[in-house]
mmCIF file of all heavy atoms, coordinates in Angstrom:
data_MODEL
# 
_entry.id   MODEL 
# 
loop_
_atom_site.group_PDB 
_atom_site.id 
_atom_site.type_symbol 
_atom_site.label_atom_id 
_atom_site.label_alt_id 
_atom_site.label_comp_id 
_atom_site.label_asym_id 
_atom_site.label_entity_id 
_atom_site.label_seq_id 
_atom_site.pdbx_PDB_ins_code 
_atom_site.Cartn_x 
_atom_site.Cartn_y 
_atom_site.Cartn_z 
_atom_site.occupancy 
_atom_site.B_iso_or_equiv 
_atom_site.pdbx_formal_charge 
_atom_site.auth_seq_id 
_atom_site.auth_comp_id 
_atom_site.auth_asym_id 
_atom_site.auth_atom_id 
_atom_site.pdbx_PDB_model_num 
ATOM 1   N N   . PHE A 1 1  ? 88.538 151.244 94.094 1.00 0.00 ? 1  PHE A N   1 
ATOM 2   C CA  . PHE A 1 1  ? 88.932 152.056 92.941 1.00 0.00 ? 1  PHE A CA  1 
ATOM 3   C C   . PHE A 1 1  ? 88.377 151.470 91.652 1.00 0.00 ? 1  PHE A C   1 
ATOM 4   O O   . PHE A 1 1  ? 87.885 152.196 90.782 1.00 0.00 ? 1  PHE A O   1 
ATOM 5   C CB  . PHE A 1 1  ? 90.456 152.148 92.870 1.00 0.00 ? 1  PHE A CB  1 
ATOM 6   C CG  . PHE A 1 1  ? 90.978 152.676 91.567 1.00 0.00 ? 1  PHE A CG  1 
ATOM 7   C CD1 . PHE A 1 1  ? 90.774 153.993 91.198 1.00 0.00 ? 1  PHE A CD1 1 
ATOM 8   C CD2 . PHE A 1 1  ? 91.672 151.845 90.692 1.00 0.00 ? 1  PHE A CD2 1 
ATOM 9   C CE1 . PHE A 1 1  ? 91.247 154.484 89.983 1.00 0.00 ? 1  PHE A CE1 1 
ATOM 10  C CE2 . PHE A 1 1  ? 92.148 152.318 89.487 1.00 0.00 ? 1  PHE A CE2 1 
ATOM 11  C CZ  . PHE A 1 1  ? 91.942 153.648 89.125 1.00 0.00 ? 1  PHE A CZ  1 
ATOM 12  N N   . GLU A 1 2  ? 88.437 150.146 91.531 1.00 0.00 ? 2  GLU A N   1 
ATOM 13  C CA  . GLU A 1 2  ? 87.923 149.517 90.311 1.00 0.00 ? 2  GLU A CA  1 
ATOM 14  C C   . GLU A 1 2  ? 86.417 149.700 90.173 1.00 0.00 ? 2  GLU A C   1 
ATOM 15  O O   . GLU A 1 2  ? 85.907 149.890 89.061 1.00 0.00 ? 2  GLU A O   1 
ATOM 16  C CB  . GLU A 1 2  ? 88.299 148.033 90.294 1.00 0.00 ? 2  GLU A CB  1 
ATOM 17  C CG  . GLU A 1 2  ? 89.786 147.817 90.040 1.00 0.00 ? 2  GLU A CG  1 
ATOM 18  C CD  . GLU A 1 2  ? 90.226 146.374 90.116 1.00 0.00 ? 2  GLU A CD  1 
ATOM 19  O OE1 . GLU A 1 2  ? 89.471 145.528 90.640 1.00 0.00 ? 2  GLU A OE1 1 
ATOM 20  O OE2 . GLU A 1 2  ? 91.347 146.078 89.653 1.00 0.00 ? 2  GLU A OE2 1 
ATOM 21  N N   . LYS A 1 3  ? 85.687 149.667 91.290 1.00 0.00 ? 3  LYS A N   1 
ATOM 22  C CA  . LYS A 1 3  ? 84.252 149.927 91.222 1.00 0.00 ? 3  LYS A CA  1 
ATOM 23  C C   . LYS A 1 3  ? 83.971 151.343 90.733 1.00 0.00 ? 3  LYS A C   1 
ATOM 24  O O   . LYS A 1 3  ? 83.058 151.575 89.925 1.00 0.00 ? 3  LYS A O   1 
ATOM 25  C CB  . LYS A 1 3  ? 83.611 149.706 92.600 1.00 0.00 ? 3  LYS A CB  1 
ATOM 26  C CG  . LYS A 1 3  ? 83.522 148.244 93.015 1.00 0.00 ? 3  LYS A CG  1 
ATOM 27  C CD  . LYS A 1 3  ? 82.606 147.479 92.077 1.00 0.00 ? 3  LYS A CD  1 
ATOM 28  C CE  . LYS A 1 3  ? 82.428 146.044 92.487 1.00 0.00 ? 3  LYS A CE  1 
ATOM 29  N NZ  . LYS A 1 3  ? 81.570 145.294 91.542 1.00 0.00 ? 3  LYS A NZ  1 
ATOM 30  N N   . ALA A 1 4  ? 84.764 152.295 91.220 1.00 0.00 ? 4  ALA A N   1 
ATOM 31  C CA  . ALA A 1 4  ? 84.610 153.674 90.744 1.00 0.00 ? 4  ALA A CA  1 
ATOM 32  C C   . ALA A 1 4  ? 84.965 153.778 89.261 1.00 0.00 ? 4  ALA A C   1 
ATOM 33  O O   . ALA A 1 4  ? 84.309 154.495 88.499 1.00 0.00 ? 4  ALA A O   1 
ATOM 34  C CB  . ALA A 1 4  ? 85.498 154.608 91.571 1.00 0.00 ? 4  ALA A CB  1 
ATOM 35  N N   . LYS A 1 5  ? 85.983 153.038 88.851 1.00 0.00 ? 5  LYS A N   1 
ATOM 36  C CA  . LYS A 1 5  ? 86.386 153.043 87.443 1.00 0.00 ? 5  LYS A CA  1 
ATOM 37  C C   . LYS A 1 5  ? 85.306 152.429 86.563 1.00 0.00 ? 5  LYS A C   1 
ATOM 38  O O   . LYS A 1 5  ? 85.048 152.905 85.448 1.00 0.00 ? 5  LYS A O   1 
ATOM 39  C CB  . LYS A 1 5  ? 87.712 152.288 87.293 1.00 0.00 ? 5  LYS A CB  1 
ATOM 40  C CG  . LYS A 1 5  ? 88.322 152.386 85.906 1.00 0.00 ? 5  LYS A CG  1 
ATOM 41  C CD  . LYS A 1 5  ? 89.775 151.939 85.900 1.00 0.00 ? 5  LYS A CD  1 
ATOM 42  C CE  . LYS A 1 5  ? 89.924 150.471 86.222 1.00 0.00 ? 5  LYS A CE  1 
ATOM 43  N NZ  . LYS A 1 5  ? 91.318 149.997 85.990 1.00 0.00 ? 5  LYS A NZ  1 
ATOM 44  N N   . HIS A 1 6  ? 84.654 151.378 87.037 1.00 0.00 ? 6  HIS A N   1 
ATOM 45  C CA  . HIS A 1 6  ? 83.546 150.780 86.285 1.00 0.00 ? 6  HIS A CA  1 
ATOM 46  C C   . HIS A 1 6  ? 82.418 151.792 86.104 1.00 0.00 ? 6  HIS A C   1 
ATOM 47  O O   . HIS A 1 6  ? 81.831 151.897 85.017 1.00 0.00 ? 6  HIS A O   1 
ATOM 48  C CB  . HIS A 1 6  ? 83.004 149.543 87.005 1.00 0.00 ? 6  HIS A CB  1 
ATOM 49  C CG  . HIS A 1 6  ? 84.010 148.455 87.180 1.00 0.00 ? 6  HIS A CG  1 
ATOM 50  N ND1 . HIS A 1 6  ? 83.756 147.336 87.944 1.00 0.00 ? 6  HIS A ND1 1 
ATOM 51  C CD2 . HIS A 1 6  ? 85.266 148.300 86.684 1.00 0.00 ? 6  HIS A CD2 1 
ATOM 52  C CE1 . HIS A 1 6  ? 84.822 146.552 87.915 1.00 0.00 ? 6  HIS A CE1 1 
ATOM 53  N NE2 . HIS A 1 6  ? 85.748 147.118 87.165 1.00 0.00 ? 6  HIS A NE2 1 
ATOM 54  N N   . THR A 1 7  ? 82.118 152.518 87.181 1.00 0.00 ? 7  THR A N   1 
ATOM 55  C CA  . THR A 1 7  ? 81.075 153.539 87.104 1.00 0.00 ? 7  THR A CA  1 
ATOM 56  C C   . THR A 1 7  ? 81.454 154.599 86.078 1.00 0.00 ? 7  THR A C   1 
ATOM 57  O O   . THR A 1 7  ? 80.613 155.042 85.275 1.00 0.00 ? 7  THR A O   1 
ATOM 58  C CB  . THR A 1 7  ? 80.857 154.192 88.480 1.00 0.00 ? 7  THR A CB  1 
ATOM 59  O OG1 . THR A 1 7  ? 80.593 153.175 89.453 1.00 0.00 ? 7  THR A OG1 1 
ATOM 60  C CG2 . THR A 1 7  ? 79.696 155.166 88.448 1.00 0.00 ? 7  THR A CG2 1 
ATOM 61  N N   . GLU A 1 8  ? 82.720 154.999 86.091 1.00 0.00 ? 8  GLU A N   1 
ATOM 62  C CA  . GLU A 1 8  ? 83.201 155.977 85.108 1.00 0.00 ? 8  GLU A CA  1 
ATOM 63  C C   . GLU A 1 8  ? 83.007 155.453 83.689 1.00 0.00 ? 8  GLU A C   1 
ATOM 64  O O   . GLU A 1 8  ? 82.487 156.167 82.813 1.00 0.00 ? 8  GLU A O   1 
ATOM 65  C CB  . GLU A 1 8  ? 84.679 156.276 85.343 1.00 0.00 ? 8  GLU A CB  1 
ATOM 66  C CG  . GLU A 1 8  ? 85.280 157.211 84.293 1.00 0.00 ? 8  GLU A CG  1 
ATOM 67  C CD  . GLU A 1 8  ? 86.802 157.267 84.344 1.00 0.00 ? 8  GLU A CD  1 
ATOM 68  O OE1 . GLU A 1 8  ? 87.413 156.440 85.061 1.00 0.00 ? 8  GLU A OE1 1 
ATOM 69  O OE2 . GLU A 1 8  ? 87.380 158.139 83.659 1.00 0.00 ? 8  GLU A OE2 1 
ATOM 70  N N   . GLY A 1 9  ? 83.433 154.225 83.445 1.00 0.00 ? 9  GLY A N   1 
ATOM 71  C CA  . GLY A 1 9  ? 83.343 153.672 82.092 1.00 0.00 ? 9  GLY A CA  1 
ATOM 72  C C   . GLY A 1 9  ? 81.912 153.576 81.603 1.00 0.00 ? 9  GLY A C   1 
ATOM 73  O O   . GLY A 1 9  ? 81.604 153.924 80.455 1.00 0.00 ? 9  GLY A O   1 
ATOM 74  N N   . LEU A 1 10 ? 81.007 153.107 82.463 1.00 0.00 ? 10 LEU A N   1 
ATOM 75  C CA  . LEU A 1 10 ? 79.602 152.976 82.073 1.00 0.00 ? 10 LEU A CA  1 
ATOM 76  C C   . LEU A 1 10 ? 78.968 154.343 81.832 1.00 0.00 ? 10 LEU A C   1 
ATOM 77  O O   . LEU A 1 10 ? 78.182 154.515 80.894 1.00 0.00 ? 10 LEU A O   1 
ATOM 78  C CB  . LEU A 1 10 ? 78.848 152.211 83.154 1.00 0.00 ? 10 LEU A CB  1 
ATOM 79  C CG  . LEU A 1 10 ? 79.259 150.739 83.311 1.00 0.00 ? 10 LEU A CG  1 
ATOM 80  C CD1 . LEU A 1 10 ? 78.747 150.162 84.624 1.00 0.00 ? 10 LEU A CD1 1 
ATOM 81  C CD2 . LEU A 1 10 ? 78.760 149.905 82.137 1.00 0.00 ? 10 LEU A CD2 1 
ATOM 82  N N   . ARG A 1 11 ? 79.324 155.327 82.661 1.00 0.00 ? 11 ARG A N   1 
ATOM 83  C CA  . ARG A 1 11 ? 78.780 156.674 82.472 1.00 0.00 ? 11 ARG A CA  1 
ATOM 84  C C   . ARG A 1 11 ? 79.332 157.303 81.196 1.00 0.00 ? 11 ARG A C   1 
ATOM 85  O O   . ARG A 1 11 ? 78.596 157.988 80.464 1.00 0.00 ? 11 ARG A O   1 
ATOM 86  C CB  . ARG A 1 11 ? 79.113 157.536 83.689 1.00 0.00 ? 11 ARG A CB  1 
ATOM 87  C CG  . ARG A 1 11 ? 78.541 158.952 83.672 1.00 0.00 ? 11 ARG A CG  1 
ATOM 88  C CD  . ARG A 1 11 ? 77.022 158.950 83.708 1.00 0.00 ? 11 ARG A CD  1 
ATOM 89  N NE  . ARG A 1 11 ? 76.412 159.240 82.419 1.00 0.00 ? 11 ARG A NE  1 
ATOM 90  C CZ  . ARG A 1 11 ? 75.104 159.295 82.217 1.00 0.00 ? 11 ARG A CZ  1 
ATOM 91  N NH1 . ARG A 1 11 ? 74.265 159.038 83.218 1.00 0.00 ? 11 ARG A NH1 1 
ATOM 92  N NH2 . ARG A 1 11 ? 74.618 159.569 81.020 1.00 0.00 ? 11 ARG A NH2 1 
ATOM 93  N N   . LEU A 1 12 ? 80.601 157.091 80.902 1.00 0.00 ? 12 LEU A N   1 
ATOM 94  C CA  . LEU A 1 12 ? 81.177 157.602 79.653 1.00 0.00 ? 12 LEU A CA  1 
ATOM 95  C C   . LEU A 1 12 ? 80.470 156.999 78.454 1.00 0.00 ? 12 LEU A C   1 
ATOM 96  O O   . LEU A 1 12 ? 80.213 157.687 77.450 1.00 0.00 ? 12 LEU A O   1 
ATOM 97  C CB  . LEU A 1 12 ? 82.681 157.288 79.597 1.00 0.00 ? 12 LEU A CB  1 
ATOM 98  C CG  . LEU A 1 12 ? 83.599 158.110 80.488 1.00 0.00 ? 12 LEU A CG  1 
ATOM 99  C CD1 . LEU A 1 12 ? 85.017 157.552 80.445 1.00 0.00 ? 12 LEU A CD1 1 
ATOM 100 C CD2 . LEU A 1 12 ? 83.595 159.578 80.074 1.00 0.00 ? 12 LEU A CD2 1 
ATOM 101 N N   . TRP A 1 13 ? 80.155 155.704 78.543 1.00 0.00 ? 13 TRP A N   1 
ATOM 102 C CA  . TRP A 1 13 ? 79.443 155.062 77.435 1.00 0.00 ? 13 TRP A CA  1 
ATOM 103 C C   . TRP A 1 13 ? 78.073 155.693 77.252 1.00 0.00 ? 13 TRP A C   1 
ATOM 104 O O   . TRP A 1 13 ? 77.673 156.012 76.122 1.00 0.00 ? 13 TRP A O   1 
ATOM 105 C CB  . TRP A 1 13 ? 79.300 153.562 77.698 1.00 0.00 ? 13 TRP A CB  1 
ATOM 106 C CG  . TRP A 1 13 ? 78.678 152.835 76.537 1.00 0.00 ? 13 TRP A CG  1 
ATOM 107 C CD1 . TRP A 1 13 ? 79.322 152.304 75.458 1.00 0.00 ? 13 TRP A CD1 1 
ATOM 108 C CD2 . TRP A 1 13 ? 77.280 152.605 76.325 1.00 0.00 ? 13 TRP A CD2 1 
ATOM 109 N NE1 . TRP A 1 13 ? 78.421 151.743 74.578 1.00 0.00 ? 13 TRP A NE1 1 
ATOM 110 C CE2 . TRP A 1 13 ? 77.153 151.924 75.090 1.00 0.00 ? 13 TRP A CE2 1 
ATOM 111 C CE3 . TRP A 1 13 ? 76.137 152.908 77.041 1.00 0.00 ? 13 TRP A CE3 1 
ATOM 112 C CZ2 . TRP A 1 13 ? 75.928 151.531 74.559 1.00 0.00 ? 13 TRP A CZ2 1 
ATOM 113 C CZ3 . TRP A 1 13 ? 74.898 152.525 76.528 1.00 0.00 ? 13 TRP A CZ3 1 
ATOM 114 C CH2 . TRP A 1 13 ? 74.802 151.834 75.299 1.00 0.00 ? 13 TRP A CH2 1 
ATOM 115 N N   . MET A 1 14 ? 77.337 155.899 78.340 1.00 0.00 ? 14 MET A N   1 
ATOM 116 C CA  . MET A 1 14 ? 76.012 156.511 78.242 1.00 0.00 ? 14 MET A CA  1 
ATOM 117 C C   . MET A 1 14 ? 76.097 157.914 77.651 1.00 0.00 ? 14 MET A C   1 
ATOM 118 O O   . MET A 1 14 ? 75.278 158.301 76.807 1.00 0.00 ? 14 MET A O   1 
ATOM 119 C CB  . MET A 1 14 ? 75.343 156.544 79.627 1.00 0.00 ? 14 MET A CB  1 
ATOM 120 C CG  . MET A 1 14 ? 74.889 155.177 80.108 1.00 0.00 ? 14 MET A CG  1 
ATOM 121 S SD  . MET A 1 14 ? 73.918 155.236 81.641 1.00 0.00 ? 14 MET A SD  1 
ATOM 122 C CE  . MET A 1 14 ? 75.224 155.452 82.831 1.00 0.00 ? 14 MET A CE  1 
ATOM 123 N N   . ASP A 1 15 ? 77.084 158.689 78.073 1.00 0.00 ? 15 ASP A N   1 
ATOM 124 C CA  . ASP A 1 15 ? 77.249 160.035 77.529 1.00 0.00 ? 15 ASP A CA  1 
ATOM 125 C C   . ASP A 1 15 ? 77.522 159.995 76.029 1.00 0.00 ? 15 ASP A C   1 
ATOM 126 O O   . ASP A 1 15 ? 76.992 160.805 75.256 1.00 0.00 ? 15 ASP A O   1 
ATOM 127 C CB  . ASP A 1 15 ? 78.411 160.751 78.225 1.00 0.00 ? 15 ASP A CB  1 
ATOM 128 C CG  . ASP A 1 15 ? 78.123 161.043 79.695 1.00 0.00 ? 15 ASP A CG  1 
ATOM 129 O OD1 . ASP A 1 15 ? 76.946 161.003 80.092 1.00 0.00 ? 15 ASP A OD1 1 
ATOM 130 O OD2 . ASP A 1 15 ? 79.091 161.313 80.434 1.00 0.00 ? 15 ASP A OD2 1 
ATOM 131 N N   . SER A 1 16 ? 78.344 159.022 75.616 1.00 0.00 ? 16 SER A N   1 
ATOM 132 C CA  . SER A 1 16 ? 78.756 158.969 74.211 1.00 0.00 ? 16 SER A CA  1 
ATOM 133 C C   . SER A 1 16 ? 77.614 158.602 73.276 1.00 0.00 ? 16 SER A C   1 
ATOM 134 O O   . SER A 1 16 ? 77.615 158.976 72.103 1.00 0.00 ? 16 SER A O   1 
ATOM 135 C CB  . SER A 1 16 ? 79.911 157.976 74.038 1.00 0.00 ? 16 SER A CB  1 
ATOM 136 O OG  . SER A 1 16 ? 79.457 156.640 74.186 1.00 0.00 ? 16 SER A OG  1 
ATOM 137 N N   . VAL A 1 17 ? 76.628 157.846 73.786 1.00 0.00 ? 17 VAL A N   1 
ATOM 138 C CA  . VAL A 1 17 ? 75.512 157.425 72.921 1.00 0.00 ? 17 VAL A CA  1 
ATOM 139 C C   . VAL A 1 17 ? 74.259 158.262 73.147 1.00 0.00 ? 17 VAL A C   1 
ATOM 140 O O   . VAL A 1 17 ? 73.210 157.995 72.564 1.00 0.00 ? 17 VAL A O   1 
ATOM 141 C CB  . VAL A 1 17 ? 75.190 155.925 73.112 1.00 0.00 ? 17 VAL A CB  1 
ATOM 142 C CG1 . VAL A 1 17 ? 76.411 155.069 72.810 1.00 0.00 ? 17 VAL A CG1 1 
ATOM 143 C CG2 . VAL A 1 17 ? 74.663 155.639 74.516 1.00 0.00 ? 17 VAL A CG2 1 
ATOM 144 N N   . GLY A 1 18 ? 74.359 159.269 74.015 1.00 0.00 ? 18 GLY A N   1 
ATOM 145 C CA  . GLY A 1 18 ? 73.238 160.187 74.198 1.00 0.00 ? 18 GLY A CA  1 
ATOM 146 C C   . GLY A 1 18 ? 72.215 159.760 75.239 1.00 0.00 ? 18 GLY A C   1 
ATOM 147 O O   . GLY A 1 18 ? 71.090 160.292 75.249 1.00 0.00 ? 18 GLY A O   1 
ATOM 148 N N   . LEU A 1 19 ? 72.560 158.825 76.129 1.00 0.00 ? 19 LEU A N   1 
ATOM 149 C CA  . LEU A 1 19 ? 71.639 158.425 77.196 1.00 0.00 ? 19 LEU A CA  1 
ATOM 150 C C   . LEU A 1 19 ? 71.829 159.368 78.383 1.00 0.00 ? 19 LEU A C   1 
ATOM 151 O O   . LEU A 1 19 ? 72.464 159.032 79.381 1.00 0.00 ? 19 LEU A O   1 
ATOM 152 C CB  . LEU A 1 19 ? 71.893 156.981 77.620 1.00 0.00 ? 19 LEU A CB  1 
ATOM 153 C CG  . LEU A 1 19 ? 71.474 155.890 76.636 1.00 0.00 ? 19 LEU A CG  1 
ATOM 154 C CD1 . LEU A 1 19 ? 71.837 154.521 77.181 1.00 0.00 ? 19 LEU A CD1 1 
ATOM 155 C CD2 . LEU A 1 19 ? 69.984 155.964 76.362 1.00 0.00 ? 19 LEU A CD2 1 
ATOM 156 N N   . THR A 1 20 ? 71.268 160.557 78.277 1.00 0.00 ? 20 THR A N   1 
ATOM 157 C CA  . THR A 1 20 ? 71.462 161.563 79.310 1.00 0.00 ? 20 THR A CA  1 
ATOM 158 C C   . THR A 1 20 ? 70.202 161.829 80.135 1.00 0.00 ? 20 THR A C   1 
ATOM 159 O O   . THR A 1 20 ? 70.226 162.647 81.054 1.00 0.00 ? 20 THR A O   1 
ATOM 160 C CB  . THR A 1 20 ? 71.932 162.882 78.677 1.00 0.00 ? 20 THR A CB  1 
ATOM 161 O OG1 . THR A 1 20 ? 70.985 163.285 77.671 1.00 0.00 ? 20 THR A OG1 1 
ATOM 162 C CG2 . THR A 1 20 ? 73.302 162.714 78.030 1.00 0.00 ? 20 THR A CG2 1 
ATOM 163 N N   . GLU A 1 21 ? 69.098 161.145 79.810 1.00 0.00 ? 21 GLU A N   1 
ATOM 164 C CA  . GLU A 1 21 ? 67.890 161.310 80.611 1.00 0.00 ? 21 GLU A CA  1 
ATOM 165 C C   . GLU A 1 21 ? 68.040 160.590 81.954 1.00 0.00 ? 21 GLU A C   1 
ATOM 166 O O   . GLU A 1 21 ? 68.977 159.812 82.151 1.00 0.00 ? 21 GLU A O   1 
ATOM 167 C CB  . GLU A 1 21 ? 66.661 160.788 79.866 1.00 0.00 ? 21 GLU A CB  1 
ATOM 168 C CG  . GLU A 1 21 ? 66.666 159.293 79.582 1.00 0.00 ? 21 GLU A CG  1 
ATOM 169 C CD  . GLU A 1 21 ? 67.231 158.948 78.208 1.00 0.00 ? 21 GLU A CD  1 
ATOM 170 O OE1 . GLU A 1 21 ? 68.129 159.671 77.740 1.00 0.00 ? 21 GLU A OE1 1 
ATOM 171 O OE2 . GLU A 1 21 ? 66.781 157.934 77.637 1.00 0.00 ? 21 GLU A OE2 1 
ATOM 172 N N   . ASP A 1 22 ? 67.108 160.857 82.867 1.00 0.00 ? 22 ASP A N   1 
ATOM 173 C CA  . ASP A 1 22 ? 67.137 160.212 84.179 1.00 0.00 ? 22 ASP A CA  1 
ATOM 174 C C   . ASP A 1 22 ? 66.739 158.747 84.024 1.00 0.00 ? 22 ASP A C   1 
ATOM 175 O O   . ASP A 1 22 ? 65.606 158.431 83.679 1.00 0.00 ? 22 ASP A O   1 
ATOM 176 C CB  . ASP A 1 22 ? 66.166 160.923 85.133 1.00 0.00 ? 22 ASP A CB  1 
ATOM 177 C CG  . ASP A 1 22 ? 66.207 160.346 86.544 1.00 0.00 ? 22 ASP A CG  1 
ATOM 178 O OD1 . ASP A 1 22 ? 67.079 159.485 86.811 1.00 0.00 ? 22 ASP A OD1 1 
ATOM 179 O OD2 . ASP A 1 22 ? 65.376 160.755 87.377 1.00 0.00 ? 22 ASP A OD2 1 
ATOM 180 N N   . LEU A 1 23 ? 67.676 157.852 84.303 1.00 0.00 ? 23 LEU A N   1 
ATOM 181 C CA  . LEU A 1 23 ? 67.435 156.418 84.159 1.00 0.00 ? 23 LEU A CA  1 
ATOM 182 C C   . LEU A 1 23 ? 67.136 155.738 85.484 1.00 0.00 ? 23 LEU A C   1 
ATOM 183 O O   . LEU A 1 23 ? 66.986 154.512 85.521 1.00 0.00 ? 23 LEU A O   1 
ATOM 184 C CB  . LEU A 1 23 ? 68.648 155.755 83.493 1.00 0.00 ? 23 LEU A CB  1 
ATOM 185 C CG  . LEU A 1 23 ? 69.026 156.266 82.098 1.00 0.00 ? 23 LEU A CG  1 
ATOM 186 C CD1 . LEU A 1 23 ? 70.253 155.529 81.585 1.00 0.00 ? 23 LEU A CD1 1 
ATOM 187 C CD2 . LEU A 1 23 ? 67.868 156.141 81.128 1.00 0.00 ? 23 LEU A CD2 1 
ATOM 188 N N   . ASN A 1 24 ? 67.046 156.488 86.560 1.00 0.00 ? 24 ASN A N   1 
ATOM 189 C CA  . ASN A 1 24 ? 66.772 155.894 87.865 1.00 0.00 ? 24 ASN A CA  1 
ATOM 190 C C   . ASN A 1 24 ? 65.513 155.024 87.881 1.00 0.00 ? 24 ASN A C   1 
ATOM 191 O O   . ASN A 1 24 ? 65.524 153.945 88.501 1.00 0.00 ? 24 ASN A O   1 
ATOM 192 C CB  . ASN A 1 24 ? 66.668 156.980 88.935 1.00 0.00 ? 24 ASN A CB  1 
ATOM 193 C CG  . ASN A 1 24 ? 68.033 157.400 89.457 1.00 0.00 ? 24 ASN A CG  1 
ATOM 194 O OD1 . ASN A 1 24 ? 68.663 156.678 90.224 1.00 0.00 ? 24 ASN A OD1 1 
ATOM 195 N ND2 . ASN A 1 24 ? 68.490 158.562 89.021 1.00 0.00 ? 24 ASN A ND2 1 
ATOM 196 N N   . PRO A 1 25 ? 64.421 155.440 87.225 1.00 0.00 ? 25 PRO A N   1 
ATOM 197 C CA  . PRO A 1 25 ? 63.213 154.603 87.285 1.00 0.00 ? 25 PRO A CA  1 
ATOM 198 C C   . PRO A 1 25 ? 63.396 153.195 86.720 1.00 0.00 ? 25 PRO A C   1 
ATOM 199 O O   . PRO A 1 25 ? 62.669 152.276 87.116 1.00 0.00 ? 25 PRO A O   1 
ATOM 200 C CB  . PRO A 1 25 ? 62.205 155.404 86.456 1.00 0.00 ? 25 PRO A CB  1 
ATOM 201 C CG  . PRO A 1 25 ? 62.651 156.823 86.585 1.00 0.00 ? 25 PRO A CG  1 
ATOM 202 C CD  . PRO A 1 25 ? 64.147 156.744 86.580 1.00 0.00 ? 25 PRO A CD  1 
# 
């Protein structure tokens, strides 16, 4: 659950600062 929560937090941060492009590369 905590790993999923970490993913949520990091994704929320990216959304908030506009990092919405594909970062996989």
